[in-house]
PDB file of N, CA and C in Angstrom:
ATOM      1  N   MET A   1       0.839  -1.161   0.000  1.00  0.00           N
ATOM      2  CA  MET A   1       0.000   0.000   0.000  1.00  0.00           C
ATOM      3  C   MET A   1       0.898   1.243   0.000  1.00  0.00           C
ATOM      4  N   LYS A   2       0.504   2.228  -0.720  1.00  0.00           N
ATOM      5  CA  LYS A   2       1.241   3.483  -0.792  1.00  0.00           C
ATOM      6  C   LYS A   2       0.445   4.573  -0.093  1.00  0.00           C
ATOM      7  N   VAL A   3       1.123   5.320   0.792  1.00  0.00           N
ATOM      8  CA  VAL A   3       0.506   6.407   1.542  1.00  0.00           C
ATOM      9  C   VAL A   3       1.249   7.686   1.194  1.00  0.00           C
ATOM     10  N   VAL A   4       0.510   8.698   0.770  1.00  0.00           N
ATOM     11  CA  VAL A   4       1.103  10.002   0.458  1.00  0.00           C
ATOM     12  C   VAL A   4       0.879  10.910   1.661  1.00  0.00           C
ATOM     13  N   ILE A   5       1.971  11.470   2.163  1.00  0.00           N
ATOM     14  CA  ILE A   5       1.911  12.361   3.315  1.00  0.00           C
ATOM     15  C   ILE A   5       2.211  13.780   2.832  1.00  0.00           C
ATOM     16  N   GLU A   6       1.293  14.691   3.106  1.00  0.00           N
ATOM     17  CA  GLU A   6       1.504  16.103   2.767  1.00  0.00           C
ATOM     18  C   GLU A   6       1.770  16.932   4.014  1.00  0.00           C
ATOM     19  N   LYS A   7       1.130  16.558   5.116  1.00  0.00           N
ATOM     20  CA  LYS A   7       1.333  17.238   6.391  1.00  0.00           C
ATOM     21  C   LYS A   7       1.366  16.177   7.484  1.00  0.00           C
ATOM     22  N   TYR A   8       1.903  16.529   8.634  1.00  0.00           N
ATOM     23  CA  TYR A   8       2.106  15.553   9.709  1.00  0.00           C
ATOM     24  C   TYR A   8       0.798  14.889  10.131  1.00  0.00           C
ATOM     25  N   GLU A   9      -0.289  15.601  10.084  1.00  0.00           N
ATOM     26  CA  GLU A   9      -1.590  15.058  10.481  1.00  0.00           C
ATOM     27  C   GLU A   9      -2.025  13.899   9.587  1.00  0.00           C
ATOM     28  N   ASP A  10      -1.470  13.813   8.383  1.00  0.00           N
ATOM     29  CA  ASP A  10      -1.806  12.711   7.476  1.00  0.00           C
ATOM     30  C   ASP A  10      -1.299  11.362   7.988  1.00  0.00           C
ATOM     31  N   MET A  11      -0.396  11.388   8.974  1.00  0.00           N
ATOM     32  CA  MET A  11       0.128  10.139   9.543  1.00  0.00           C
ATOM     33  C   MET A  11      -0.983   9.321  10.188  1.00  0.00           C
ATOM     34  N   GLU A  12      -2.080   9.965  10.553  1.00  0.00           N
ATOM     35  CA  GLU A  12      -3.187   9.265  11.200  1.00  0.00           C
ATOM     36  C   GLU A  12      -3.750   8.154  10.318  1.00  0.00           C
ATOM     37  N   GLN A  13      -3.663   8.305   9.006  1.00  0.00           N
ATOM     38  CA  GLN A  13      -4.197   7.275   8.107  1.00  0.00           C
ATOM     39  C   GLN A  13      -3.420   5.964   8.192  1.00  0.00           C
ATOM     40  N   LEU A  14      -2.226   5.972   8.767  1.00  0.00           N
ATOM     41  CA  LEU A  14      -1.441   4.746   8.901  1.00  0.00           C
ATOM     42  C   LEU A  14      -2.008   3.798   9.956  1.00  0.00           C
ATOM     43  N   LYS A  15      -2.763   4.322  10.919  1.00  0.00           N
ATOM     44  CA  LYS A  15      -3.266   3.471  11.999  1.00  0.00           C
ATOM     45  C   LYS A  15      -4.179   2.361  11.492  1.00  0.00           C
ATOM     46  N   ASN A  16      -4.752   2.510  10.316  1.00  0.00           N
ATOM     47  CA  ASN A  16      -5.623   1.482   9.753  1.00  0.00           C
ATOM     48  C   ASN A  16      -4.849   0.375   9.052  1.00  0.00           C
ATOM     49  N   HIS A  17      -3.534   0.531   8.940  1.00  0.00           N
ATOM     50  CA  HIS A  17      -2.743  -0.421   8.162  1.00  0.00           C
ATOM     51  C   HIS A  17      -1.535  -0.938   8.939  1.00  0.00           C
ATOM     52  N   LEU A  18      -1.665  -1.065  10.245  1.00  0.00           N
ATOM     53  CA  LEU A  18      -0.525  -1.457  11.064  1.00  0.00           C
ATOM     54  C   LEU A  18      -0.075  -2.892  10.832  1.00  0.00           C
ATOM     55  N   GLU A  19      -0.936  -3.735  10.309  1.00  0.00           N
ATOM     56  CA  GLU A  19      -0.553  -5.125  10.098  1.00  0.00           C
ATOM     57  C   GLU A  19       0.089  -5.347   8.729  1.00  0.00           C
ATOM     58  N   ASN A  20       0.156  -4.333   7.922  1.00  0.00           N
ATOM     59  CA  ASN A  20       0.676  -4.464   6.565  1.00  0.00           C
ATOM     60  C   ASN A  20       1.994  -3.723   6.392  1.00  0.00           C
ATOM     61  N   ASP A  21       2.664  -4.027   5.314  1.00  0.00           N
ATOM     62  CA  ASP A  21       3.805  -3.222   4.885  1.00  0.00           C
ATOM     63  C   ASP A  21       3.250  -2.093   4.033  1.00  0.00           C
ATOM     64  N   TRP A  22       3.899  -0.951   4.081  1.00  0.00           N
ATOM     65  CA  TRP A  22       3.438   0.145   3.255  1.00  0.00           C
ATOM     66  C   TRP A  22       4.609   1.000   2.822  1.00  0.00           C
ATOM     67  N   ILE A  23       4.359   1.809   1.804  1.00  0.00           N
ATOM     68  CA  ILE A  23       5.347   2.748   1.292  1.00  0.00           C
ATOM     69  C   ILE A  23       4.820   4.144   1.563  1.00  0.00           C
ATOM     70  N   VAL A  24       5.662   4.952   2.195  1.00  0.00           N
ATOM     71  CA  VAL A  24       5.296   6.322   2.530  1.00  0.00           C
ATOM     72  C   VAL A  24       5.962   7.245   1.531  1.00  0.00           C
ATOM     73  N   ASN A  25       5.158   8.046   0.840  1.00  0.00           N
ATOM     74  CA  ASN A  25       5.669   9.003  -0.132  1.00  0.00           C
ATOM     75  C   ASN A  25       5.657  10.387   0.505  1.00  0.00           C
ATOM     76  N   LEU A  26       6.835  11.034   0.545  1.00  0.00           N
ATOM     77  CA  LEU A  26       6.988  12.338   1.179  1.00  0.00           C
ATOM     78  C   LEU A  26       7.253  13.451   0.171  1.00  0.00           C
ATOM     79  N   GLU A  27       6.958  13.198  -1.076  1.00  0.00           N
ATOM     80  CA  GLU A  27       7.242  14.149  -2.150  1.00  0.00           C
ATOM     81  C   GLU A  27       6.597  15.516  -1.922  1.00  0.00           C
ATOM     82  N   LYS A  28       5.412  15.554  -1.341  1.00  0.00           N
ATOM     83  CA  LYS A  28       4.680  16.809  -1.180  1.00  0.00           C
ATOM     84  C   LYS A  28       4.925  17.485   0.170  1.00  0.00           C
ATOM     85  N   CYS A  29       5.812  16.923   0.990  1.00  0.00           N
ATOM     86  CA  CYS A  29       6.102  17.480   2.318  1.00  0.00           C
ATOM     87  C   CYS A  29       7.187  18.540   2.252  1.00  0.00           C
ATOM     88  N   ASP A  30       7.072  19.517   3.138  1.00  0.00           N
ATOM     89  CA  ASP A  30       8.193  20.435   3.295  1.00  0.00           C
ATOM     90  C   ASP A  30       9.272  19.735   4.130  1.00  0.00           C
ATOM     91  N   ILE A  31      10.451  20.306   4.202  1.00  0.00           N
ATOM     92  CA  ILE A  31      11.593  19.635   4.834  1.00  0.00           C
ATOM     93  C   ILE A  31      11.363  19.394   6.329  1.00  0.00           C
ATOM     94  N   LYS A  32      10.721  20.320   7.012  1.00  0.00           N
ATOM     95  CA  LYS A  32      10.462  20.163   8.447  1.00  0.00           C
ATOM     96  C   LYS A  32       9.517  18.986   8.708  1.00  0.00           C
ATOM     97  N   THR A  33       8.469  18.899   7.925  1.00  0.00           N
ATOM     98  CA  THR A  33       7.518  17.792   8.066  1.00  0.00           C
ATOM     99  C   THR A  33       8.177  16.477   7.703  1.00  0.00           C
ATOM    100  N   ARG A  34       8.994  16.481   6.686  1.00  0.00           N
ATOM    101  CA  ARG A  34       9.719  15.284   6.262  1.00  0.00           C
ATOM    102  C   ARG A  34      10.557  14.717   7.406  1.00  0.00           C
ATOM    103  N   ARG A  35      11.276  15.590   8.087  1.00  0.00           N
ATOM    104  CA  ARG A  35      12.107  15.157   9.225  1.00  0.00           C
ATOM    105  C   ARG A  35      11.254  14.565  10.335  1.00  0.00           C
ATOM    106  N   ARG A  36      10.137  15.197  10.645  1.00  0.00           N
ATOM    107  CA  ARG A  36       9.247  14.692  11.699  1.00  0.00           C
ATOM    108  C   ARG A  36       8.688  13.323  11.346  1.00  0.00           C
ATOM    109  N   VAL A  37       8.270  13.160  10.104  1.00  0.00           N
ATOM    110  CA  VAL A  37       7.692  11.885   9.668  1.00  0.00           C
ATOM    111  C   VAL A  37       8.749  10.781   9.710  1.00  0.00           C
ATOM    112  N   ILE A  38       9.933  11.045   9.191  1.00  0.00           N
ATOM    113  CA  ILE A  38      10.999  10.043   9.191  1.00  0.00           C
ATOM    114  C   ILE A  38      11.392   9.680  10.617  1.00  0.00           C
ATOM    115  N   ASP A  39      11.465  10.670  11.496  1.00  0.00           N
ATOM    116  CA  ASP A  39      11.775  10.412  12.901  1.00  0.00           C
ATOM    117  C   ASP A  39      10.708   9.530  13.535  1.00  0.00           C
ATOM    118  N   PHE A  40       9.442   9.831  13.282  1.00  0.00           N
ATOM    119  CA  PHE A  40       8.350   9.026  13.821  1.00  0.00           C
ATOM    120  C   PHE A  40       8.413   7.593  13.300  1.00  0.00           C
ATOM    121  N   LEU A  41       8.593   7.436  11.997  1.00  0.00           N
ATOM    122  CA  LEU A  41       8.635   6.103  11.399  1.00  0.00           C
ATOM    123  C   LEU A  41       9.826   5.300  11.905  1.00  0.00           C
ATOM    124  N   SER A  42      10.947   5.951  12.116  1.00  0.00           N
ATOM    125  CA  SER A  42      12.128   5.272  12.646  1.00  0.00           C
ATOM    126  C   SER A  42      11.844   4.712  14.037  1.00  0.00           C
ATOM    127  N   GLY A  43      11.242   5.529  14.880  1.00  0.00           N
ATOM    128  CA  GLY A  43      10.890   5.062  16.218  1.00  0.00           C
ATOM    129  C   GLY A  43       9.833   3.986  16.189  1.00  0.00           C
ATOM    130  N   PHE A  44       8.893   4.124  15.300  1.00  0.00           N
ATOM    131  CA  PHE A  44       7.796   3.171  15.176  1.00  0.00           C
ATOM    132  C   PHE A  44       8.303   1.789  14.764  1.00  0.00           C
ATOM    133  N   ALA A  45       9.267   1.752  13.872  1.00  0.00           N
ATOM    134  CA  ALA A  45       9.774   0.482  13.338  1.00  0.00           C
ATOM    135  C   ALA A  45      10.958  -0.050  14.135  1.00  0.00           C
ATOM    136  N   PHE A  46      11.428   0.662  15.129  1.00  0.00           N
ATOM    137  CA  PHE A  46      12.653   0.300  15.848  1.00  0.00           C
ATOM    138  C   PHE A  46      12.610  -1.097  16.455  1.00  0.00           C
ATOM    139  N   LEU A  47      11.589  -1.441  17.216  1.00  0.00           N
ATOM    140  CA  LEU A  47      11.562  -2.722  17.916  1.00  0.00           C
ATOM    141  C   LEU A  47      11.165  -3.899  17.043  1.00  0.00           C
ATOM    142  N   ASN A  48      10.133  -3.750  16.257  1.00  0.00           N
ATOM    143  CA  ASN A  48       9.608  -4.885  15.484  1.00  0.00           C
ATOM    144  C   ASN A  48       9.378  -4.529  14.034  1.00  0.00           C
ATOM    145  N   GLY A  49      10.365  -3.997  13.389  1.00  0.00           N
ATOM    146  CA  GLY A  49      10.165  -3.654  11.993  1.00  0.00           C
ATOM    147  C   GLY A  49      11.411  -3.108  11.353  1.00  0.00           C
ATOM    148  N   SER A  50      11.211  -2.494  10.201  1.00  0.00           N
ATOM    149  CA  SER A  50      12.332  -1.892   9.494  1.00  0.00           C
ATOM    150  C   SER A  50      11.833  -0.716   8.670  1.00  0.00           C
ATOM    151  N   LEU A  51      12.753   0.173   8.375  1.00  0.00           N
ATOM    152  CA  LEU A  51      12.489   1.345   7.559  1.00  0.00           C
ATOM    153  C   LEU A  51      13.569   1.376   6.495  1.00  0.00           C
ATOM    154  N   LYS A  52      13.167   1.353   5.243  1.00  0.00           N
ATOM    155  CA  LYS A  52      14.113   1.289   4.138  1.00  0.00           C
ATOM    156  C   LYS A  52      13.844   2.431   3.167  1.00  0.00           C
ATOM    157  N   LYS A  53      14.888   3.192   2.847  1.00  0.00           N
ATOM    158  CA  LYS A  53      14.748   4.283   1.891  1.00  0.00           C
ATOM    159  C   LYS A  53      14.761   3.702   0.481  1.00  0.00           C
ATOM    160  N   LEU A  54      13.715   3.988  -0.292  1.00  0.00           N
ATOM    161  CA  LEU A  54      13.622   3.489  -1.662  1.00  0.00           C
ATOM    162  C   LEU A  54      14.180   4.500  -2.661  1.00  0.00           C
ATOM    163  N   ASN A  55      13.884   5.755  -2.439  1.00  0.00           N
ATOM    164  CA  ASN A  55      14.429   6.860  -3.233  1.00  0.00           C
ATOM    165  C   ASN A  55      14.323   8.117  -2.384  1.00  0.00           C
ATOM    166  N   LYS A  56      14.589   9.277  -2.955  1.00  0.00           N
ATOM    167  CA  LYS A  56      14.619  10.494  -2.143  1.00  0.00           C
ATOM    168  C   LYS A  56      13.271  10.866  -1.540  1.00  0.00           C
ATOM    169  N   ASP A  57      12.191  10.333  -2.059  1.00  0.00           N
ATOM    170  CA  ASP A  57      10.850  10.690  -1.585  1.00  0.00           C
ATOM    171  C   ASP A  57      10.069   9.539  -0.966  1.00  0.00           C
ATOM    172  N   GLU A  58      10.556   8.306  -1.035  1.00  0.00           N
ATOM    173  CA  GLU A  58       9.769   7.164  -0.581  1.00  0.00           C
ATOM    174  C   GLU A  58      10.546   6.273   0.375  1.00  0.00           C
ATOM    175  N   TYR A  59       9.808   5.781   1.391  1.00  0.00           N
ATOM    176  CA  TYR A  59      10.354   4.869   2.374  1.00  0.00           C
ATOM    177  C   TYR A  59       9.423   3.679   2.496  1.00  0.00           C
ATOM    178  N   GLU A  60       9.994   2.485   2.623  1.00  0.00           N
ATOM    179  CA  GLU A  60       9.215   1.285   2.851  1.00  0.00           C
ATOM    180  C   GLU A  60       9.244   0.972   4.329  1.00  0.00           C
ATOM    181  N   VAL A  61       8.069   0.796   4.927  1.00  0.00           N
ATOM    182  CA  VAL A  61       7.941   0.478   6.340  1.00  0.00           C
ATOM    183  C   VAL A  61       7.416  -0.944   6.451  1.00  0.00           C
ATOM    184  N   THR A  62       8.119  -1.762   7.235  1.00  0.00           N
ATOM    185  CA  THR A  62       7.711  -3.149   7.453  1.00  0.00           C
ATOM    186  C   THR A  62       7.609  -3.372   8.948  1.00  0.00           C
ATOM    187  N   LEU A  63       6.506  -3.933   9.405  1.00  0.00           N
ATOM    188  CA  LEU A  63       6.315  -4.240  10.816  1.00  0.00           C
ATOM    189  C   LEU A  63       6.084  -5.732  10.978  1.00  0.00           C
ATOM    190  N   GLN A  64       6.695  -6.328  11.991  1.00  0.00           N
ATOM    191  CA  GLN A  64       6.451  -7.719  12.350  1.00  0.00           C
ATOM    192  C   GLN A  64       5.584  -7.721  13.603  1.00  0.00           C
ATOM    193  N   ILE A  65       4.282  -7.806  13.400  1.00  0.00           N
ATOM    194  CA  ILE A  65       3.341  -7.777  14.523  1.00  0.00           C
ATOM    195  C   ILE A  65       2.797  -9.162  14.745  1.00  0.00           C
TER     196      ILE A  65
END
């Protein structure tokens, strides 16, 4: 599943897909929001998952739940 994030509040849409892998697209984010989202995703995937950069605008998030 691909999720496009434009503002930090858009992260709320991820709560419906916690059991799946997804790709987060940050192309439409400003740099400050981009940093916040990447920081959140890094912490989120730290214990039971992974965060992989696919290109300059996309990250793959995998969770083992």
